[in-house]
Every structure is written in structure tokens, then in C-alpha cells.
Amino acid sequence: MLDFLAENIGTIIVALVIIAICFLIIFFRIKGKKQGKSSCGCGCDCGSCGGCSFKK
């Protein structure tokens, strides 16, 4: 078991970093959604500026 970990430590670290980044992206998207922020950044309720009638 320790041989496996020693041989693959680089892959394991990269995988953990990628998983952590994905978790943070999902966390902040959910947090923003609960605060009423839209995903497109224009402040509309539809979630995509191309499909709404929001005018700046």
C-alpha cells in the first residue's frame, strides 16, 4: 500500500487539487444563488442575458 502511494503521490495530489477546485466552484455558485445573484452577472433573474429583456 505504501509503495502504491509513493509511486503515485503526484497524481494523487493533482487529483485532490482538482477535486478541491470543483468543490469551491460548486460551493460559491450555490452561495451566490442563495444570495440572489444570477449566473450571467447582469443581475437579471433568468440566468442568461441573451434570453432576457434586461437593458443596462
C-alpha atoms as a PDB file:
ATOM      1  CA  MET A   1       0.000   0.000   0.000  1.00  0.00           C
ATOM      2  CA  LEU A   2       2.775   2.437   0.852  1.00  0.00           C
ATOM      3  CA  ASP A   3       4.551   1.561  -2.393  1.00  0.00           C
ATOM      4  CA  PHE A   4       1.431   2.490  -4.336  1.00  0.00           C
ATOM      5  CA  LEU A   5       1.163   5.830  -2.517  1.00  0.00           C
ATOM      6  CA  ALA A   6       4.850   6.575  -3.008  1.00  0.00           C
ATOM      7  CA  GLU A   7       4.704   5.815  -6.738  1.00  0.00           C
ATOM      8  CA  ASN A   8       1.531   7.830  -7.352  1.00  0.00           C
ATOM      9  CA  ILE A   9       1.866  10.765  -4.937  1.00  0.00           C
ATOM     10  CA  GLY A  10       1.991  13.324  -7.765  1.00  0.00           C
ATOM     11  CA  THR A  11      -1.187  12.006  -9.358  1.00  0.00           C
ATOM     12  CA  ILE A  12      -2.945  11.874  -6.002  1.00  0.00           C
ATOM     13  CA  ILE A  13      -2.011  15.472  -5.175  1.00  0.00           C
ATOM     14  CA  VAL A  14      -3.159  16.751  -8.575  1.00  0.00           C
ATOM     15  CA  ALA A  15      -6.446  14.861  -8.238  1.00  0.00           C
ATOM     16  CA  LEU A  16      -7.046  16.306  -4.766  1.00  0.00           C
ATOM     17  CA  VAL A  17      -6.354  19.842  -6.019  1.00  0.00           C
ATOM     18  CA  ILE A  18      -8.800  19.402  -8.913  1.00  0.00           C
ATOM     19  CA  ILE A  19     -11.455  17.999  -6.573  1.00  0.00           C
ATOM     20  CA  ALA A  20     -10.944  20.927  -4.184  1.00  0.00           C
ATOM     21  CA  ILE A  21     -11.292  23.465  -7.021  1.00  0.00           C
ATOM     22  CA  CYS A  22     -14.502  21.805  -8.243  1.00  0.00           C
ATOM     23  CA  PHE A  23     -15.883  21.799  -4.696  1.00  0.00           C
ATOM     24  CA  LEU A  24     -15.118  25.505  -4.274  1.00  0.00           C
ATOM     25  CA  ILE A  25     -16.740  26.388  -7.606  1.00  0.00           C
ATOM     26  CA  ILE A  26     -19.903  24.498  -6.693  1.00  0.00           C
ATOM     27  CA  PHE A  27     -19.906  25.988  -3.173  1.00  0.00           C
ATOM     28  CA  PHE A  28     -19.641  29.585  -4.386  1.00  0.00           C
ATOM     29  CA  ARG A  29     -22.251  29.021  -7.137  1.00  0.00           C
ATOM     30  CA  ILE A  30     -24.736  27.707  -4.558  1.00  0.00           C
ATOM     31  CA  LYS A  31     -23.857  30.521  -2.147  1.00  0.00           C
ATOM     32  CA  GLY A  32     -24.394  33.111  -4.887  1.00  0.00           C
ATOM     33  CA  LYS A  33     -27.693  31.548  -5.909  1.00  0.00           C
ATOM     34  CA  LYS A  34     -28.948  31.724  -2.305  1.00  0.00           C
ATOM     35  CA  GLN A  35     -27.967  35.416  -2.196  1.00  0.00           C
ATOM     36  CA  GLY A  36     -29.988  36.075  -5.333  1.00  0.00           C
ATOM     37  CA  LYS A  37     -27.082  36.561  -7.721  1.00  0.00           C
ATOM     38  CA  SER A  38     -27.547  35.386 -11.288  1.00  0.00           C
ATOM     39  CA  SER A  39     -25.022  33.214 -13.070  1.00  0.00           C
ATOM     40  CA  CYS A  40     -24.641  35.568 -16.039  1.00  0.00           C
ATOM     41  CA  GLY A  41     -23.589  38.559 -13.951  1.00  0.00           C
ATOM     42  CA  CYS A  42     -26.049  41.091 -15.380  1.00  0.00           C
ATOM     43  CA  GLY A  43     -28.434  40.989 -12.421  1.00  0.00           C
ATOM     44  CA  CYS A  44     -31.434  39.534 -14.232  1.00  0.00           C
ATOM     45  CA  ASP A  45     -33.488  36.621 -12.920  1.00  0.00           C
ATOM     46  CA  CYS A  46     -33.315  34.405 -15.986  1.00  0.00           C
ATOM     47  CA  GLY A  47     -29.679  33.316 -15.686  1.00  0.00           C
ATOM     48  CA  SER A  48     -28.611  34.242 -19.217  1.00  0.00           C
ATOM     49  CA  CYS A  49     -28.546  37.757 -20.635  1.00  0.00           C
ATOM     50  CA  GLY A  50     -29.220  36.578 -24.159  1.00  0.00           C
ATOM     51  CA  GLY A  51     -32.643  35.259 -23.172  1.00  0.00           C
ATOM     52  CA  CYS A  52     -33.907  38.154 -21.061  1.00  0.00           C
ATOM     53  CA  SER A  53     -35.038  41.678 -21.712  1.00  0.00           C
ATOM     54  CA  PHE A  54     -32.551  43.211 -19.276  1.00  0.00           C
ATOM     55  CA  LYS A  55     -31.186  46.514 -20.523  1.00  0.00           C
ATOM     56  CA  LYS A  56     -28.302  48.365 -18.886  1.00  0.00           C
END
